[in-house]
Each structure stands twice: as C-alpha cells, then as structure tokens.
Amino acid sequence: MNNGGQEIDANEAAEHAKSFGALRTIANQCASGSCPTVFYATGSGTLIVQGYRVWADQAGVEVPEGESLVEIPLDLLAEAVRNLP
C-alpha cells in the first residue's frame, strides 16, 4: 500500500486504521448514513469518504492495492469543506 509516496505493508495499514479515532460526520446527503458521506477522523485529523465505488479500469487510472476510488457529489465536498473543524 502507498501512503503519501511511502510503501506500507498490511500490518502498518491496520495500525494506521486504529489511529482514526472517532469518526464525526461533517457532510452527508441523507439522514440514514448509508449514502455518500464525509467523516472527520478525530484521531488522525484526516477525512474518510463514503461514496459510490468507481472501478479503476472504468476511470482509466491505476489504483494501488489497498486504495479505492469513490465518487461523491461536488456539493457534498463543498459542504464538508465548510464544516471542517
């Protein structure tokens, strides 16, 4: 897996996932939580994005193992930016 240009193995990825801390919803498009959503990870100060999966071959890009492409509406991203802590 690639983390900002550095290769990390599965164990390091699992440890990284533990550092997320609590996830706080900062933008979403429905009340149920099972739609495109942007979360703020309190432990790492990063964003977690839930969206519709896009396959790399459909997008015409290469995606390293352990990473995924997701699609979210542009207005959801704009809302998330306005709600950043």
PDB file of N, CA and C in Angstrom:
ATOM      1  N   MET A   1       0.850  -1.170   0.000  1.00  0.00           N
ATOM      2  CA  MET A   1       0.000   0.000   0.000  1.00  0.00           C
ATOM      3  C   MET A   1       0.894   1.230   0.000  1.00  0.00           C
ATOM      4  N   ASN A   2       0.392   2.306  -0.591  1.00  0.00           N
ATOM      5  CA  ASN A   2       1.167   3.520  -0.698  1.00  0.00           C
ATOM      6  C   ASN A   2       0.565   4.581   0.206  1.00  0.00           C
ATOM      7  N   ASN A   3       1.382   5.208   1.015  1.00  0.00           N
ATOM      8  CA  ASN A   3       0.929   6.265   1.919  1.00  0.00           C
ATOM      9  C   ASN A   3       1.770   7.502   1.654  1.00  0.00           C
ATOM     10  N   GLY A   4       1.259   8.380   0.807  1.00  0.00           N
ATOM     11  CA  GLY A   4       1.983   9.611   0.508  1.00  0.00           C
ATOM     12  C   GLY A   4       3.340   9.356  -0.103  1.00  0.00           C
ATOM     13  N   GLY A   5       3.437   8.350  -0.975  1.00  0.00           N
ATOM     14  CA  GLY A   5       4.701   8.052  -1.624  1.00  0.00           C
ATOM     15  C   GLY A   5       5.540   7.032  -0.894  1.00  0.00           C
ATOM     16  N   GLN A   6       5.105   6.592   0.302  1.00  0.00           N
ATOM     17  CA  GLN A   6       5.834   5.587   1.062  1.00  0.00           C
ATOM     18  C   GLN A   6       5.059   4.285   1.027  1.00  0.00           C
ATOM     19  N   GLU A   7       5.765   3.183   0.770  1.00  0.00           N
ATOM     20  CA  GLU A   7       5.116   1.875   0.770  1.00  0.00           C
ATOM     21  C   GLU A   7       4.913   1.416   2.218  1.00  0.00           C
ATOM     22  N   ILE A   8       3.697   0.904   2.524  1.00  0.00           N
ATOM     23  CA  ILE A   8       3.436   0.347   3.843  1.00  0.00           C
ATOM     24  C   ILE A   8       2.801  -1.017   3.677  1.00  0.00           C
ATOM     25  N   ASP A   9       3.076  -1.938   4.595  1.00  0.00           N
ATOM     26  CA  ASP A   9       2.524  -3.283   4.487  1.00  0.00           C
ATOM     27  C   ASP A   9       1.179  -3.372   5.202  1.00  0.00           C
ATOM     28  N   ALA A  10       0.550  -4.552   5.140  1.00  0.00           N
ATOM     29  CA  ALA A  10      -0.787  -4.746   5.702  1.00  0.00           C
ATOM     30  C   ALA A  10      -0.821  -4.481   7.200  1.00  0.00           C
ATOM     31  N   ASN A  11       0.218  -4.877   7.939  1.00  0.00           N
ATOM     32  CA  ASN A  11       0.249  -4.631   9.389  1.00  0.00           C
ATOM     33  C   ASN A  11       0.280  -3.139   9.694  1.00  0.00           C
ATOM     34  N   GLU A  12       1.082  -2.414   8.941  1.00  0.00           N
ATOM     35  CA  GLU A  12       1.148  -0.966   9.139  1.00  0.00           C
ATOM     36  C   GLU A  12      -0.192  -0.324   8.781  1.00  0.00           C
ATOM     37  N   ALA A  13      -0.847  -0.837   7.744  1.00  0.00           N
ATOM     38  CA  ALA A  13      -2.156  -0.308   7.354  1.00  0.00           C
ATOM     39  C   ALA A  13      -3.173  -0.529   8.467  1.00  0.00           C
ATOM     40  N   ALA A  14      -3.143  -1.709   9.104  1.00  0.00           N
ATOM     41  CA  ALA A  14      -4.063  -1.996  10.204  1.00  0.00           C
ATOM     42  C   ALA A  14      -3.805  -1.060  11.379  1.00  0.00           C
ATOM     43  N   GLU A  15      -2.540  -0.808  11.684  1.00  0.00           N
ATOM     44  CA  GLU A  15      -2.205   0.116  12.768  1.00  0.00           C
ATOM     45  C   GLU A  15      -2.670   1.526  12.429  1.00  0.00           C
ATOM     46  N   HIS A  16      -2.513   1.899  11.165  1.00  0.00           N
ATOM     47  CA  HIS A  16      -2.961   3.232  10.735  1.00  0.00           C
ATOM     48  C   HIS A  16      -4.467   3.361  10.925  1.00  0.00           C
ATOM     49  N   ALA A  17      -5.213   2.324  10.574  1.00  0.00           N
ATOM     50  CA  ALA A  17      -6.669   2.355  10.725  1.00  0.00           C
ATOM     51  C   ALA A  17      -7.072   2.558  12.175  1.00  0.00           C
ATOM     52  N   LYS A  18      -6.318   2.004  13.102  1.00  0.00           N
ATOM     53  CA  LYS A  18      -6.618   2.174  14.523  1.00  0.00           C
ATOM     54  C   LYS A  18      -6.453   3.620  14.962  1.00  0.00           C
ATOM     55  N   SER A  19      -5.628   4.378  14.263  1.00  0.00           N
ATOM     56  CA  SER A  19      -5.344   5.758  14.664  1.00  0.00           C
ATOM     57  C   SER A  19      -6.434   6.732  14.240  1.00  0.00           C
ATOM     58  N   PHE A  20      -7.469   6.256  13.523  1.00  0.00           N
ATOM     59  CA  PHE A  20      -8.527   7.154  13.074  1.00  0.00           C
ATOM     60  C   PHE A  20      -9.280   7.789  14.232  1.00  0.00           C
ATOM     61  N   GLY A  21      -9.419   7.067  15.338  1.00  0.00           N
ATOM     62  CA  GLY A  21     -10.214   7.580  16.451  1.00  0.00           C
ATOM     63  C   GLY A  21     -11.676   7.578  16.078  1.00  0.00           C
ATOM     64  N   ALA A  22     -12.447   8.439  16.708  1.00  0.00           N
ATOM     65  CA  ALA A  22     -13.875   8.532  16.417  1.00  0.00           C
ATOM     66  C   ALA A  22     -14.093   9.197  15.063  1.00  0.00           C
ATOM     67  N   LEU A  23     -15.106   8.732  14.336  1.00  0.00           N
ATOM     68  CA  LEU A  23     -15.477   9.364  13.071  1.00  0.00           C
ATOM     69  C   LEU A  23     -16.663  10.290  13.328  1.00  0.00           C
ATOM     70  N   ARG A  24     -16.520  11.530  12.924  1.00  0.00           N
ATOM     71  CA  ARG A  24     -17.586  12.515  13.072  1.00  0.00           C
ATOM     72  C   ARG A  24     -18.093  12.906  11.687  1.00  0.00           C
ATOM     73  N   THR A  25     -19.391  12.763  11.455  1.00  0.00           N
ATOM     74  CA  THR A  25     -19.976  13.141  10.169  1.00  0.00           C
ATOM     75  C   THR A  25     -19.896  14.651  10.004  1.00  0.00           C
ATOM     76  N   ILE A  26     -19.293  15.094   8.902  1.00  0.00           N
ATOM     77  CA  ILE A  26     -19.253  16.539   8.646  1.00  0.00           C
ATOM     78  C   ILE A  26     -20.085  16.925   7.427  1.00  0.00           C
ATOM     79  N   ALA A  27     -20.465  15.943   6.602  1.00  0.00           N
ATOM     80  CA  ALA A  27     -21.347  16.212   5.457  1.00  0.00           C
ATOM     81  C   ALA A  27     -21.934  14.898   4.984  1.00  0.00           C
ATOM     82  N   ASN A  28     -23.239  14.907   4.684  1.00  0.00           N
ATOM     83  CA  ASN A  28     -23.850  13.735   4.064  1.00  0.00           C
ATOM     84  C   ASN A  28     -25.091  14.161   3.298  1.00  0.00           C
ATOM     85  N   GLN A  29     -25.636  13.219   2.527  1.00  0.00           N
ATOM     86  CA  GLN A  29     -26.754  13.560   1.663  1.00  0.00           C
ATOM     87  C   GLN A  29     -28.059  12.903   2.089  1.00  0.00           C
ATOM     88  N   CYS A  30     -28.067  12.234   3.236  1.00  0.00           N
ATOM     89  CA  CYS A  30     -29.310  11.630   3.707  1.00  0.00           C
ATOM     90  C   CYS A  30     -29.229  11.459   5.223  1.00  0.00           C
ATOM     91  N   ALA A  31     -30.349  11.200   5.830  1.00  0.00           N
ATOM     92  CA  ALA A  31     -30.398  11.051   7.284  1.00  0.00           C
ATOM     93  C   ALA A  31     -29.986   9.662   7.742  1.00  0.00           C
ATOM     94  N   SER A  32     -30.038   8.668   6.861  1.00  0.00           N
ATOM     95  CA  SER A  32     -29.786   7.287   7.285  1.00  0.00           C
ATOM     96  C   SER A  32     -28.304   6.948   7.416  1.00  0.00           C
ATOM     97  N   GLY A  33     -27.409   7.712   6.799  1.00  0.00           N
ATOM     98  CA  GLY A  33     -25.983   7.424   6.878  1.00  0.00           C
ATOM     99  C   GLY A  33     -25.505   6.399   5.875  1.00  0.00           C
ATOM    100  N   SER A  34     -26.400   5.861   5.047  1.00  0.00           N
ATOM    101  CA  SER A  34     -25.970   4.878   4.054  1.00  0.00           C
ATOM    102  C   SER A  34     -25.977   5.493   2.661  1.00  0.00           C
ATOM    103  N   CYS A  35     -25.432   6.682   2.564  1.00  0.00           N
ATOM    104  CA  CYS A  35     -25.310   7.387   1.291  1.00  0.00           C
ATOM    105  C   CYS A  35     -23.970   8.122   1.322  1.00  0.00           C
ATOM    106  N   PRO A  36     -23.583   8.787   0.233  1.00  0.00           N
ATOM    107  CA  PRO A  36     -22.302   9.491   0.258  1.00  0.00           C
ATOM    108  C   PRO A  36     -22.169  10.377   1.496  1.00  0.00           C
ATOM    109  N   THR A  37     -21.064  10.178   2.199  1.00  0.00           N
ATOM    110  CA  THR A  37     -20.831  10.871   3.469  1.00  0.00           C
ATOM    111  C   THR A  37     -19.347  11.193   3.592  1.00  0.00           C
ATOM    112  N   VAL A  38     -19.043  12.309   4.207  1.00  0.00           N
ATOM    113  CA  VAL A  38     -17.659  12.666   4.536  1.00  0.00           C
ATOM    114  C   VAL A  38     -17.562  12.702   6.051  1.00  0.00           C
ATOM    115  N   PHE A  39     -16.591  11.953   6.566  1.00  0.00           N
ATOM    116  CA  PHE A  39     -16.353  11.871   8.005  1.00  0.00           C
ATOM    117  C   PHE A  39     -15.023  12.532   8.340  1.00  0.00           C
ATOM    118  N   TYR A  40     -14.957  13.136   9.511  1.00  0.00           N
ATOM    119  CA  TYR A  40     -13.697  13.644  10.048  1.00  0.00           C
ATOM    120  C   TYR A  40     -13.202  12.629  11.070  1.00  0.00           C
ATOM    121  N   ALA A  41     -11.981  12.127  10.881  1.00  0.00           N
ATOM    122  CA  ALA A  41     -11.381  11.161  11.801  1.00  0.00           C
ATOM    123  C   ALA A  41     -10.653  11.943  12.889  1.00  0.00           C
ATOM    124  N   THR A  42     -11.212  11.945  14.096  1.00  0.00           N
ATOM    125  CA  THR A  42     -10.698  12.793  15.170  1.00  0.00           C
ATOM    126  C   THR A  42      -9.292  12.415  15.617  1.00  0.00           C
ATOM    127  N   GLY A  43      -8.941  11.144  15.532  1.00  0.00           N
ATOM    128  CA  GLY A  43      -7.626  10.709  15.995  1.00  0.00           C
ATOM    129  C   GLY A  43      -6.493  11.044  15.052  1.00  0.00           C
ATOM    130  N   SER A  44      -6.786  11.113  13.754  1.00  0.00           N
ATOM    131  CA  SER A  44      -5.731  11.345  12.776  1.00  0.00           C
ATOM    132  C   SER A  44      -5.823  12.698  12.084  1.00  0.00           C
ATOM    133  N   GLY A  45      -6.960  13.398  12.275  1.00  0.00           N
ATOM    134  CA  GLY A  45      -7.122  14.685  11.615  1.00  0.00           C
ATOM    135  C   GLY A  45      -7.280  14.556  10.111  1.00  0.00           C
ATOM    136  N   THR A  46      -7.796  13.412   9.656  1.00  0.00           N
ATOM    137  CA  THR A  46      -7.978  13.158   8.231  1.00  0.00           C
ATOM    138  C   THR A  46      -9.459  13.002   7.910  1.00  0.00           C
ATOM    139  N   LEU A  47      -9.774  12.901   6.630  1.00  0.00           N
ATOM    140  CA  LEU A  47     -11.145  12.683   6.191  1.00  0.00           C
ATOM    141  C   LEU A  47     -11.307  11.257   5.687  1.00  0.00           C
ATOM    142  N   ILE A  48     -12.447  10.660   5.970  1.00  0.00           N
ATOM    143  CA  ILE A  48     -12.846   9.355   5.458  1.00  0.00           C
ATOM    144  C   ILE A  48     -14.055   9.628   4.570  1.00  0.00           C
ATOM    145  N   VAL A  49     -14.048   9.107   3.345  1.00  0.00           N
ATOM    146  CA  VAL A  49     -15.115   9.379   2.392  1.00  0.00           C
ATOM    147  C   VAL A  49     -15.855   8.094   2.049  1.00  0.00           C
ATOM    148  N   GLN A  50     -17.168   8.134   2.176  1.00  0.00           N
ATOM    149  CA  GLN A  50     -18.031   7.041   1.729  1.00  0.00           C
ATOM    150  C   GLN A  50     -18.717   7.514   0.465  1.00  0.00           C
ATOM    151  N   GLY A  51     -18.587   6.739  -0.594  1.00  0.00           N
ATOM    152  CA  GLY A  51     -19.217   7.132  -1.852  1.00  0.00           C
ATOM    153  C   GLY A  51     -19.476   5.922  -2.709  1.00  0.00           C
ATOM    154  N   TYR A  52     -19.820   6.173  -3.939  1.00  0.00           N
ATOM    155  CA  TYR A  52     -20.096   5.100  -4.890  1.00  0.00           C
ATOM    156  C   TYR A  52     -18.791   4.633  -5.503  1.00  0.00           C
ATOM    157  N   ARG A  53     -18.531   3.321  -5.438  1.00  0.00           N
ATOM    158  CA  ARG A  53     -17.279   2.768  -5.941  1.00  0.00           C
ATOM    159  C   ARG A  53     -17.166   3.001  -7.440  1.00  0.00           C
ATOM    160  N   VAL A  54     -15.970   3.410  -7.838  1.00  0.00           N
ATOM    161  CA  VAL A  54     -15.622   3.584  -9.248  1.00  0.00           C
ATOM    162  C   VAL A  54     -14.461   2.630  -9.520  1.00  0.00           C
ATOM    163  N   TRP A  55     -14.598   1.810 -10.514  1.00  0.00           N
ATOM    164  CA  TRP A  55     -13.541   0.846 -10.841  1.00  0.00           C
ATOM    165  C   TRP A  55     -12.448   1.544 -11.631  1.00  0.00           C
ATOM    166  N   ALA A  56     -11.211   1.222 -11.318  1.00  0.00           N
ATOM    167  CA  ALA A  56     -10.050   1.865 -11.932  1.00  0.00           C
ATOM    168  C   ALA A  56     -10.085   1.774 -13.453  1.00  0.00           C
ATOM    169  N   ASP A  57     -10.458   0.613 -13.987  1.00  0.00           N
ATOM    170  CA  ASP A  57     -10.469   0.482 -15.443  1.00  0.00           C
ATOM    171  C   ASP A  57     -11.546   1.360 -16.082  1.00  0.00           C
ATOM    172  N   GLN A  58     -12.652   1.589 -15.381  1.00  0.00           N
ATOM    173  CA  GLN A  58     -13.681   2.498 -15.885  1.00  0.00           C
ATOM    174  C   GLN A  58     -13.174   3.942 -15.903  1.00  0.00           C
ATOM    175  N   ALA A  59     -12.380   4.287 -14.901  1.00  0.00           N
ATOM    176  CA  ALA A  59     -11.864   5.650 -14.779  1.00  0.00           C
ATOM    177  C   ALA A  59     -10.614   5.880 -15.614  1.00  0.00           C
ATOM    178  N   GLY A  60      -9.996   4.782 -16.071  1.00  0.00           N
ATOM    179  CA  GLY A  60      -8.790   4.911 -16.875  1.00  0.00           C
ATOM    180  C   GLY A  60      -7.562   5.303 -16.082  1.00  0.00           C
ATOM    181  N   VAL A  61      -7.519   4.886 -14.806  1.00  0.00           N
ATOM    182  CA  VAL A  61      -6.369   5.189 -13.955  1.00  0.00           C
ATOM    183  C   VAL A  61      -5.903   3.909 -13.271  1.00  0.00           C
ATOM    184  N   GLU A  62      -4.693   3.945 -12.755  1.00  0.00           N
ATOM    185  CA  GLU A  62      -4.170   2.831 -11.970  1.00  0.00           C
ATOM    186  C   GLU A  62      -4.341   3.161 -10.496  1.00  0.00           C
ATOM    187  N   VAL A  63      -4.822   2.183  -9.728  1.00  0.00           N
ATOM    188  CA  VAL A  63      -5.039   2.379  -8.299  1.00  0.00           C
ATOM    189  C   VAL A  63      -4.241   1.312  -7.555  1.00  0.00           C
ATOM    190  N   PRO A  64      -3.334   1.712  -6.667  1.00  0.00           N
ATOM    191  CA  PRO A  64      -2.526   0.743  -5.931  1.00  0.00           C
ATOM    192  C   PRO A  64      -3.388  -0.147  -5.039  1.00  0.00           C
ATOM    193  N   GLU A  65      -2.883  -1.327  -4.749  1.00  0.00           N
ATOM    194  CA  GLU A  65      -3.561  -2.243  -3.835  1.00  0.00           C
ATOM    195  C   GLU A  65      -3.797  -1.542  -2.500  1.00  0.00           C
ATOM    196  N   GLY A  66      -4.985  -1.731  -1.946  1.00  0.00           N
ATOM    197  CA  GLY A  66      -5.326  -1.125  -0.666  1.00  0.00           C
ATOM    198  C   GLY A  66      -6.005   0.229  -0.792  1.00  0.00           C
ATOM    199  N   GLU A  67      -6.051   0.779  -2.009  1.00  0.00           N
ATOM    200  CA  GLU A  67      -6.724   2.049  -2.227  1.00  0.00           C
ATOM    201  C   GLU A  67      -7.949   1.817  -3.109  1.00  0.00           C
ATOM    202  N   SER A  68      -8.916   2.718  -3.027  1.00  0.00           N
ATOM    203  CA  SER A  68     -10.134   2.623  -3.826  1.00  0.00           C
ATOM    204  C   SER A  68     -10.516   4.003  -4.345  1.00  0.00           C
ATOM    205  N   LEU A  69     -11.207   4.016  -5.459  1.00  0.00           N
ATOM    206  CA  LEU A  69     -11.796   5.240  -5.975  1.00  0.00           C
ATOM    207  C   LEU A  69     -13.258   5.269  -5.555  1.00  0.00           C
ATOM    208  N   VAL A  70     -13.719   6.412  -5.109  1.00  0.00           N
ATOM    209  CA  VAL A  70     -15.137   6.587  -4.817  1.00  0.00           C
ATOM    210  C   VAL A  70     -15.592   7.901  -5.436  1.00  0.00           C
ATOM    211  N   GLU A  71     -16.847   7.927  -5.808  1.00  0.00           N
ATOM    212  CA  GLU A  71     -17.436   9.129  -6.381  1.00  0.00           C
ATOM    213  C   GLU A  71     -18.391   9.732  -5.366  1.00  0.00           C
ATOM    214  N   ILE A  72     -18.266  11.052  -5.173  1.00  0.00           N
ATOM    215  CA  ILE A  72     -19.207  11.778  -4.316  1.00  0.00           C
ATOM    216  C   ILE A  72     -19.635  13.037  -5.066  1.00  0.00           C
ATOM    217  N   PRO A  73     -20.818  13.536  -4.793  1.00  0.00           N
ATOM    218  CA  PRO A  73     -21.264  14.770  -5.441  1.00  0.00           C
ATOM    219  C   PRO A  73     -20.389  15.957  -5.031  1.00  0.00           C
ATOM    220  N   LEU A  74     -20.160  16.857  -5.952  1.00  0.00           N
ATOM    221  CA  LEU A  74     -19.325  18.021  -5.699  1.00  0.00           C
ATOM    222  C   LEU A  74     -19.874  18.873  -4.556  1.00  0.00           C
ATOM    223  N   ASP A  75     -21.198  19.010  -4.469  1.00  0.00           N
ATOM    224  CA  ASP A  75     -21.758  19.829  -3.390  1.00  0.00           C
ATOM    225  C   ASP A  75     -21.525  19.201  -2.018  1.00  0.00           C
ATOM    226  N   LEU A  76     -21.377  17.874  -1.957  1.00  0.00           N
ATOM    227  CA  LEU A  76     -21.055  17.219  -0.689  1.00  0.00           C
ATOM    228  C   LEU A  76     -19.643  17.595  -0.245  1.00  0.00           C
ATOM    229  N   LEU A  77     -18.716  17.627  -1.187  1.00  0.00           N
ATOM    230  CA  LEU A  77     -17.350  18.030  -0.862  1.00  0.00           C
ATOM    231  C   LEU A  77     -17.315  19.483  -0.405  1.00  0.00           C
ATOM    232  N   ALA A  78     -18.056  20.336  -1.086  1.00  0.00           N
ATOM    233  CA  ALA A  78     -18.101  21.759  -0.698  1.00  0.00           C
ATOM    234  C   ALA A  78     -18.666  21.899   0.722  1.00  0.00           C
ATOM    235  N   GLU A  79     -19.712  21.145   1.039  1.00  0.00           N
ATOM    236  CA  GLU A  79     -20.290  21.182   2.390  1.00  0.00           C
ATOM    237  C   GLU A  79     -19.271  20.703   3.418  1.00  0.00           C
ATOM    238  N   ALA A  80     -18.551  19.647   3.086  1.00  0.00           N
ATOM    239  CA  ALA A  80     -17.544  19.109   4.008  1.00  0.00           C
ATOM    240  C   ALA A  80     -16.470  20.160   4.293  1.00  0.00           C
ATOM    241  N   VAL A  81     -16.024  20.864   3.272  1.00  0.00           N
ATOM    242  CA  VAL A  81     -15.005  21.900   3.465  1.00  0.00           C
ATOM    243  C   VAL A  81     -15.528  23.002   4.386  1.00  0.00           C
ATOM    244  N   ARG A  82     -16.773  23.388   4.202  1.00  0.00           N
ATOM    245  CA  ARG A  82     -17.358  24.428   5.084  1.00  0.00           C
ATOM    246  C   ARG A  82     -17.464  23.956   6.536  1.00  0.00           C
ATOM    247  N   ASN A  83     -17.617  22.657   6.740  1.00  0.00           N
ATOM    248  CA  ASN A  83     -17.834  22.114   8.093  1.00  0.00           C
ATOM    249  C   ASN A  83     -16.562  21.572   8.750  1.00  0.00           C
ATOM    250  N   LEU A  84     -15.417  21.753   8.125  1.00  0.00           N
ATOM    251  CA  LEU A  84     -14.180  21.254   8.726  1.00  0.00           C
ATOM    252  C   LEU A  84     -13.952  21.890  10.083  1.00  0.00           C
ATOM    253  N   PRO A  85     -13.426  21.099  11.035  1.00  0.00           N
ATOM    254  CA  PRO A  85     -13.163  21.652  12.381  1.00  0.00           C
ATOM    255  C   PRO A  85     -12.035  22.672  12.361  1.00  0.00           C
TER     256      PRO A  85
END
